[in-house]
Amino acid sequence: MSSRSRHGAGRFAPRRLLAQFNERFPCPSAYCVAFSGGLDSTVLLHALASVRDALRAPLSAVHVDHALQPGSADWMRHCGQQCRQLDVPLQALVVDAAARRGESPEAAARTARYQAMAAVLDARTMLLTAHHLDDQAETLLLQLLRGAGVDGLAAMPAVRAWHRGWHARPLLGWQRAALRAWAVAGRLHWIEDPSNTQTAADRNYLRHRVLPALHARWPAAAINIAQSAGLCAEAAESVRRQAEQDLASVRSDDRQCLRLAALCDLPPGAASQVLRRWLRERGAPPLPRRRLLAALEQLCGARSGAAVRIAWSGHELRRYRDQAWLVRQAPVSLAPAPLDWSGDAVDLGPGLGRLRRRLGPGGID
C-alpha cells in the first residue's frame, strides 16, 4: 500500500472506516466515542452510527464537560440531542480541569478528561477519539520542537492498550478538510469551540500560523509529516525490541539490579536505552536526557567501590558492588499532632531532624 493511500489525502467514507475496524483493531466488548460535539468527533460518531450494524460490538458515546467555557452546559445539551437522534447511549461527565501550578491548561484538561473517562468505561472497552492526520502532523512538530526522540516523534498510534481496554484513533488516515467536506455534504451540525482560534496554545499556533505557511510552500506537508511519524513509529519499535534484548543481557541473576560491567560495555546509545527502559519498568519517573547521560557517566566512570547516588522525584539510582540499584526514598511523614515546644531539644520524627534553640546576643527575650 502506498504511503499516500495509507496517509490518505482521499475522501472520507464510513465504509473505509469500517474496514479499518475489522482488519486492524482488536475486537472489544464495546466501542465508546469521546464526543465533544466538535467537527471531528461529530463526523466519527455519525459515521460509526451509519455502519453500526456491521460493527463487532455495541456503540456508545461519552461527553466530558471541563466547565472552562461559559457555554459548556449548552455543548453538553447539544451532544445529548445528537446522541438521541442517532439512538446512541451517552454518558455525560463534569470534571474539575483547573490547572495546577506549573501545569498548562491544555495538559490539565486532557488529564482530567482521560481520568474521568477511564473511571466510567468497562473493561475491554475501546475508547475512540477523533484525532486526524493534521492532528498527527501537529503532534510530531510539537514533539520535534521539544527535542523528543523516536518514541515522541512516532506521535500518536492508531491503537494502543489503555486502561483495561484500548484507545483507538480511527481517523488518522484523513485530513481535516476531508472530514469537513463529508460533514457539510451530510448537513451535520457541530460546535465551534472559540478557544480553538486562539494562538496562545502551542498546538493552535502551529495549526493557524505554522502549518498554513508550510502548506503554501509544500501542499502535501501534513501528509508527509504524518508519514514521517509512521516511519518513526517503526523505528521506535525496532529500538524497543533491541533495548529489551540488551536489558535481558545486563540484568543481575535476581533481576533487581543491573550488572554495570555489561551495561557499560554497550554502545552509549544502547546503554541509555537500556537504562531508560529499566527505570520505566521499575516504575520510576523518567530522567531527562541530560541527567540520564550524566547518571550513566557516573555509574560507569566511578572507581570500583565508589558510592554513586543520583536522586530525583522520590527515587535514587545507586552503585553498589558494581551493580546499579534503584531505591525509593523513604517518604517524610509529618508529626501527627501540633508540638507544644518547651524550648528543650527534641527529635521531630523520622526524616524531620532535631529541633533545638540557641540564645543569641540582643534580640527579644
Protein backbone atom coordinates (compact mmCIF):
# COMPACT_ATOMS: atom_id res chain seq x y z
CA MET A 1 0.00 0.00 0.00
CA SER A 2 1.45 3.38 -0.93
CA SER A 3 2.24 5.97 1.72
CA ARG A 4 -0.21 8.30 0.03
CA SER A 5 -3.11 5.89 0.41
CA ARG A 6 -2.07 4.99 3.96
CA HIS A 7 -1.93 8.64 4.96
CA GLY A 8 -4.77 9.43 2.71
CA ALA A 9 -5.38 12.61 1.13
CA GLY A 10 -8.52 10.91 -0.19
CA ARG A 11 -12.21 11.37 0.51
CA PHE A 12 -13.67 10.18 3.77
CA ALA A 13 -16.20 7.33 3.68
CA PRO A 14 -17.69 5.30 6.57
CA ARG A 15 -17.13 2.03 4.70
CA ARG A 16 -13.37 2.69 4.67
CA LEU A 17 -13.60 3.41 8.38
CA LEU A 18 -15.38 0.11 8.92
CA ALA A 19 -12.67 -1.80 7.07
CA GLN A 20 -10.10 -0.40 9.46
CA PHE A 21 -12.12 -1.55 12.48
CA ASN A 22 -12.50 -5.08 11.16
CA GLU A 23 -8.98 -5.54 9.81
CA ARG A 24 -6.61 -3.60 12.08
CA PHE A 25 -8.18 -3.13 15.51
CA PRO A 26 -8.68 -5.69 18.31
CA CYS A 27 -12.22 -6.87 18.99
CA PRO A 28 -13.56 -5.16 22.13
CA SER A 29 -16.70 -5.71 24.18
CA ALA A 30 -17.88 -2.16 23.37
CA TYR A 31 -16.95 0.95 21.38
CA CYS A 32 -17.22 4.37 23.04
CA VAL A 33 -16.72 7.62 21.09
CA ALA A 34 -15.24 10.56 23.00
CA PHE A 35 -17.82 13.06 21.77
CA SER A 36 -17.01 16.73 22.30
CA GLY A 37 -19.60 17.98 19.82
CA GLY A 38 -16.92 19.49 17.58
CA LEU A 39 -16.47 18.75 13.89
CA ASP A 40 -14.11 15.80 14.20
CA SER A 41 -15.95 13.81 16.86
CA THR A 42 -19.28 14.60 15.17
CA VAL A 43 -18.00 13.03 11.95
CA LEU A 44 -16.70 10.00 13.82
CA LEU A 45 -19.94 9.45 15.76
CA HIS A 46 -22.25 9.89 12.74
CA ALA A 47 -20.05 7.70 10.52
CA LEU A 48 -19.98 4.85 13.03
CA ALA A 49 -23.70 5.16 13.72
CA SER A 50 -24.33 4.73 9.99
CA VAL A 51 -22.46 1.40 9.95
CA ARG A 52 -23.19 0.20 13.48
CA ASP A 53 -24.87 -2.98 12.27
CA ALA A 54 -21.52 -4.12 10.86
CA LEU A 55 -19.50 -3.25 13.99
CA ARG A 56 -18.31 -6.11 16.15
CA ALA A 57 -19.52 -4.53 19.44
CA PRO A 58 -22.16 -2.05 20.67
CA LEU A 59 -21.62 1.68 20.13
CA SER A 60 -21.94 4.40 22.79
CA ALA A 61 -20.52 7.88 23.48
CA VAL A 62 -19.10 9.85 26.39
CA HIS A 63 -19.02 13.64 26.73
CA VAL A 64 -16.77 15.47 29.22
CA ASP A 65 -17.66 18.99 30.35
CA HIS A 66 -14.49 20.72 31.56
CA ALA A 67 -16.53 23.69 32.86
CA LEU A 68 -13.93 26.05 31.38
CA GLN A 69 -16.14 27.79 28.80
CA PRO A 70 -19.28 29.84 29.57
CA GLY A 71 -21.33 27.79 27.10
CA SER A 72 -20.12 24.35 28.15
CA ALA A 73 -23.53 23.35 29.56
CA ASP A 74 -25.08 24.17 26.16
CA TRP A 75 -22.48 21.95 24.50
CA MET A 76 -23.49 19.08 26.75
CA ARG A 77 -27.15 19.57 25.78
CA HIS A 78 -26.18 19.65 22.11
CA CYS A 79 -24.31 16.35 22.48
CA GLY A 80 -27.26 14.79 24.26
CA GLN A 81 -29.60 15.87 21.47
CA GLN A 82 -27.28 14.49 18.78
CA CYS A 83 -26.98 11.13 20.53
CA ARG A 84 -30.75 10.86 20.99
CA GLN A 85 -31.27 11.49 17.29
CA LEU A 86 -28.76 8.76 16.47
CA ASP A 87 -30.07 6.42 19.18
CA VAL A 88 -26.56 6.20 20.71
CA PRO A 89 -26.30 5.93 24.53
CA LEU A 90 -24.39 8.87 26.05
CA GLN A 91 -22.61 9.31 29.38
CA ALA A 92 -22.18 12.98 30.32
CA LEU A 93 -19.41 13.81 32.81
CA VAL A 94 -18.37 17.05 34.52
CA VAL A 95 -14.75 17.39 35.69
CA ASP A 96 -12.57 19.88 37.52
CA ALA A 97 -9.98 20.77 34.89
CA ALA A 98 -8.28 23.62 36.76
CA ALA A 99 -4.54 23.63 36.08
CA ARG A 100 -2.16 23.16 38.97
CA ARG A 101 0.86 25.38 39.46
CA GLY A 102 3.31 24.85 36.60
CA GLU A 103 0.80 22.86 34.53
CA SER A 104 -0.58 24.12 31.21
CA PRO A 105 -4.39 24.46 30.92
CA GLU A 106 -4.38 22.11 27.93
CA ALA A 107 -2.48 19.39 29.82
CA ALA A 108 -4.73 19.77 32.87
CA ALA A 109 -7.89 19.44 30.77
CA ARG A 110 -6.50 16.42 28.92
CA THR A 111 -5.53 14.66 32.16
CA ALA A 112 -8.90 15.35 33.79
CA ARG A 113 -10.74 14.20 30.66
CA TYR A 114 -8.97 10.86 30.31
CA GLN A 115 -9.12 10.12 34.03
CA ALA A 116 -12.87 10.73 34.04
CA MET A 117 -13.45 8.51 31.01
CA ALA A 118 -11.25 5.74 32.37
CA ALA A 119 -13.30 5.72 35.58
CA VAL A 120 -16.62 5.03 33.82
CA LEU A 121 -15.63 2.70 30.98
CA ASP A 122 -15.94 -1.05 31.47
CA ALA A 123 -13.11 -3.50 30.88
CA ARG A 124 -12.35 -4.38 27.24
CA THR A 125 -13.98 -1.18 26.00
CA MET A 126 -12.32 0.61 23.09
CA LEU A 127 -12.29 4.38 23.55
CA LEU A 128 -12.42 6.14 20.17
CA THR A 129 -11.04 9.66 19.76
CA ALA A 130 -11.31 11.73 16.58
CA HIS A 131 -7.66 12.68 16.05
CA HIS A 132 -6.95 13.00 12.33
CA LEU A 133 -3.97 13.35 10.02
CA ASP A 134 -3.49 17.08 10.65
CA ASP A 135 -3.50 16.42 14.41
CA GLN A 136 -0.80 13.83 13.81
CA ALA A 137 1.34 16.34 11.92
CA GLU A 138 0.89 18.91 14.69
CA THR A 139 1.87 16.35 17.32
CA LEU A 140 5.07 15.40 15.53
CA LEU A 141 6.06 19.06 15.13
CA LEU A 142 5.39 19.72 18.83
CA GLN A 143 7.50 16.72 19.83
CA LEU A 144 10.26 17.79 17.44
CA LEU A 145 10.34 21.27 18.96
CA ARG A 146 10.59 19.69 22.43
CA GLY A 147 13.62 17.67 21.39
CA ALA A 148 11.89 14.27 21.58
CA GLY A 149 13.45 11.00 20.45
CA VAL A 150 11.91 8.40 18.17
CA ASP A 151 9.28 7.45 20.76
CA GLY A 152 7.98 11.03 20.80
CA LEU A 153 8.34 11.52 17.06
CA ALA A 154 6.22 8.42 16.49
CA ALA A 155 3.41 10.76 17.62
CA MET A 156 0.02 9.09 18.12
CA PRO A 157 -0.52 5.36 17.48
CA ALA A 158 -3.68 4.26 15.70
CA VAL A 159 -4.46 1.89 18.58
CA ARG A 160 -2.85 1.14 21.94
CA ALA A 161 -3.64 -0.69 25.14
CA TRP A 162 -5.28 1.73 27.57
CA HIS A 163 -6.91 1.43 30.98
CA ARG A 164 -8.48 -2.05 30.91
CA GLY A 165 -9.14 -1.95 27.16
CA TRP A 166 -7.88 0.07 24.21
CA HIS A 167 -7.65 3.61 22.90
CA ALA A 168 -8.01 3.91 19.12
CA ARG A 169 -7.78 6.84 16.69
CA PRO A 170 -9.53 5.61 13.54
CA LEU A 171 -9.42 8.97 11.69
CA LEU A 172 -5.63 9.31 11.47
CA GLY A 173 -5.74 8.47 7.76
CA TRP A 174 -7.81 11.53 6.79
CA GLN A 175 -7.16 15.24 6.76
CA ARG A 176 -9.41 17.76 8.45
CA ALA A 177 -10.58 19.09 5.09
CA ALA A 178 -11.89 15.65 4.05
CA LEU A 179 -13.83 15.31 7.31
CA ARG A 180 -15.32 18.78 6.93
CA ALA A 181 -16.37 18.06 3.35
CA TRP A 182 -18.19 14.90 4.48
CA ALA A 183 -19.89 16.76 7.34
CA VAL A 184 -21.03 19.60 5.08
CA ALA A 185 -22.35 17.17 2.47
CA GLY A 186 -24.31 15.36 5.19
CA ARG A 187 -25.59 18.64 6.69
CA LEU A 188 -24.25 17.74 10.10
CA HIS A 189 -24.34 20.21 12.99
CA TRP A 190 -21.34 20.71 15.24
CA ILE A 191 -19.94 23.14 17.82
CA GLU A 192 -17.13 25.55 17.05
CA ASP A 193 -15.02 25.96 20.21
CA PRO A 194 -13.85 29.61 20.30
CA SER A 195 -10.69 28.61 22.15
CA ASN A 196 -9.52 26.72 19.06
CA THR A 197 -8.91 30.02 17.26
CA GLN A 198 -6.67 31.45 19.99
CA THR A 199 -2.99 31.08 19.19
CA ALA A 200 -1.63 31.28 22.74
CA ALA A 201 -1.62 27.47 22.98
CA ASP A 202 1.29 25.85 21.13
CA ARG A 203 -0.90 23.47 19.13
CA ASN A 204 -3.21 26.25 17.97
CA TYR A 205 -0.20 28.37 16.99
CA LEU A 206 1.07 25.54 14.78
CA ARG A 207 -2.42 24.97 13.36
CA HIS A 208 -3.17 28.60 12.44
CA ARG A 209 0.27 30.12 11.81
CA VAL A 210 2.89 27.49 11.01
CA LEU A 211 1.12 24.74 9.06
CA PRO A 212 -0.70 27.14 6.66
CA ALA A 213 2.71 28.63 5.78
CA LEU A 214 4.13 25.14 5.22
CA HIS A 215 1.16 24.14 3.07
CA ALA A 216 1.56 27.28 0.95
CA ARG A 217 5.06 26.13 0.01
CA TRP A 218 4.60 22.35 0.28
CA PRO A 219 0.92 21.39 -0.29
CA ALA A 220 1.48 17.84 0.93
CA ALA A 221 3.26 18.96 4.12
CA ALA A 222 0.80 17.43 6.61
CA ILE A 223 0.66 14.14 4.68
CA ASN A 224 4.44 13.88 4.54
CA ILE A 225 4.88 14.83 8.21
CA ALA A 226 2.33 12.20 9.23
CA GLN A 227 4.17 9.68 7.06
CA SER A 228 7.36 10.53 8.95
CA ALA A 229 5.51 9.83 12.19
CA GLY A 230 4.70 6.37 10.89
CA LEU A 231 8.33 5.74 9.97
CA CYS A 232 9.42 6.93 13.42
CA ALA A 233 6.92 4.52 14.96
CA GLU A 234 8.54 1.65 13.03
CA ALA A 235 11.99 2.81 14.17
CA ALA A 236 10.79 3.14 17.76
CA GLU A 237 9.52 -0.45 17.68
CA SER A 238 12.91 -1.67 16.45
CA VAL A 239 14.67 0.31 19.18
CA ARG A 240 12.27 -1.10 21.78
CA ARG A 241 12.94 -4.70 20.75
CA GLN A 242 16.70 -4.21 20.76
CA ALA A 243 16.55 -2.47 24.15
CA GLU A 244 14.59 -5.40 25.58
CA GLN A 245 17.25 -7.84 24.35
CA ASP A 246 20.06 -5.67 25.74
CA LEU A 247 18.24 -5.29 29.05
CA ALA A 248 17.90 -9.06 29.39
CA SER A 249 21.66 -9.39 28.87
CA VAL A 250 22.63 -6.93 31.63
CA ARG A 251 20.18 -7.92 34.36
CA SER A 252 21.53 -9.47 37.53
CA ASP A 253 20.58 -13.01 38.45
CA ASP A 254 17.84 -11.79 40.81
CA ARG A 255 16.59 -9.23 38.19
CA GLN A 256 16.53 -6.48 40.82
CA CYS A 257 19.57 -4.60 39.54
CA LEU A 258 21.85 -4.19 36.52
CA ARG A 259 25.37 -5.54 36.08
CA LEU A 260 27.45 -2.45 35.43
CA ALA A 261 30.22 -4.25 33.55
CA ALA A 262 27.71 -5.50 30.98
CA LEU A 263 25.80 -2.18 30.87
CA CYS A 264 28.91 -0.09 30.37
CA ASP A 265 30.21 -2.38 27.61
CA LEU A 266 27.19 -1.44 25.47
CA PRO A 267 27.47 1.46 22.99
CA PRO A 268 26.40 4.73 24.71
CA GLY A 269 23.12 4.94 22.79
CA ALA A 270 22.19 1.36 23.60
CA ALA A 271 23.15 1.80 27.27
CA SER A 272 20.94 4.86 27.61
CA GLN A 273 18.02 2.99 26.02
CA VAL A 274 18.50 0.09 28.45
CA LEU A 275 18.67 2.35 31.48
CA ARG A 276 15.63 4.32 30.36
CA ARG A 277 13.59 1.13 29.77
CA TRP A 278 14.69 -0.39 33.09
CA LEU A 279 13.69 2.72 35.04
CA ARG A 280 10.28 2.75 33.31
CA GLU A 281 9.82 -0.96 34.04
CA ARG A 282 10.63 -0.34 37.71
CA GLY A 283 8.01 2.41 37.93
CA ALA A 284 10.40 5.35 38.25
CA PRO A 285 9.66 8.75 36.68
CA PRO A 286 11.72 9.35 33.53
CA LEU A 287 15.07 11.09 33.83
CA PRO A 288 15.64 14.00 31.41
CA ARG A 289 18.14 13.01 28.73
CA ARG A 290 20.94 15.19 30.13
CA ARG A 291 20.57 13.70 33.61
CA LEU A 292 20.26 10.19 32.18
CA LEU A 293 23.58 10.57 30.34
CA ALA A 294 25.18 12.08 33.44
CA ALA A 295 23.91 9.15 35.50
CA LEU A 296 25.47 6.68 33.06
CA GLU A 297 28.74 8.58 33.18
CA GLN A 298 28.78 8.44 36.98
CA LEU A 299 27.80 4.77 37.14
CA CYS A 300 30.35 3.68 34.55
CA GLY A 301 33.14 6.15 35.31
CA ALA A 302 33.36 5.84 39.08
CA ARG A 303 36.12 3.69 40.53
CA SER A 304 35.15 0.31 41.94
CA GLY A 305 33.67 0.67 45.40
CA ALA A 306 32.84 4.37 44.96
CA ALA A 307 29.45 5.48 46.25
CA VAL A 308 27.27 6.88 43.45
CA ARG A 309 23.86 8.35 44.21
CA ILE A 310 21.53 10.04 41.69
CA ALA A 311 18.30 11.29 43.31
CA TRP A 312 15.13 12.54 41.58
CA SER A 313 11.37 12.53 42.21
CA GLY A 314 11.46 10.30 45.27
CA HIS A 315 13.85 7.75 43.69
CA GLU A 316 17.58 7.11 43.90
CA LEU A 317 19.91 5.36 41.47
CA ARG A 318 22.89 3.90 43.32
CA ARG A 319 26.05 1.95 42.58
CA TYR A 320 26.79 -0.90 44.98
CA ARG A 321 29.15 -3.84 44.45
CA ASP A 322 29.48 -2.98 40.74
CA GLN A 323 25.74 -3.09 40.19
CA ALA A 324 23.13 -0.38 39.59
CA TRP A 325 20.24 -0.33 42.06
CA LEU A 326 17.03 1.68 42.07
CA VAL A 327 15.64 2.50 45.51
CA ARG A 328 12.70 4.61 46.61
CA GLN A 329 13.38 7.37 49.09
CA ALA A 330 11.53 6.98 52.37
CA PRO A 331 8.61 9.42 52.48
CA VAL A 332 8.83 12.19 55.05
CA SER A 333 5.95 11.90 57.49
CA LEU A 334 4.83 14.95 59.39
CA ALA A 335 4.16 14.91 63.12
CA PRO A 336 0.63 13.60 63.78
CA ALA A 337 -0.22 16.47 66.13
CA PRO A 338 0.97 20.03 66.87
CA LEU A 339 4.07 20.17 69.05
CA ASP A 340 3.89 22.12 72.31
CA TRP A 341 7.55 23.04 72.46
CA SER A 342 9.10 23.95 75.81
CA GLY A 343 12.38 25.05 74.26
CA ASP A 344 14.34 21.92 75.08
CA ALA A 345 15.98 19.95 72.27
CA VAL A 346 13.53 17.45 70.76
CA ASP A 347 13.50 14.89 67.92
CA LEU A 348 10.76 15.71 65.40
CA GLY A 349 10.45 12.24 63.92
CA PRO A 350 11.86 10.19 61.04
CA GLY A 351 13.23 12.39 58.29
CA LEU A 352 12.41 15.66 60.08
CA GLY A 353 15.56 16.07 62.17
CA ARG A 354 16.02 17.63 65.63
CA LEU A 355 14.77 20.97 66.94
CA ARG A 356 16.85 22.97 69.39
CA ARG A 357 17.30 26.58 70.36
CA ARG A 358 20.39 28.77 70.71
CA LEU A 359 20.38 32.07 72.52
CA GLY A 360 21.88 34.95 70.56
CA PRO A 361 23.08 38.36 71.73
CA GLY A 362 20.40 41.03 71.86
CA GLY A 363 17.07 40.26 70.26
CA ILE A 364 13.90 39.56 72.17
CA ASP A 365 13.52 37.74 75.48
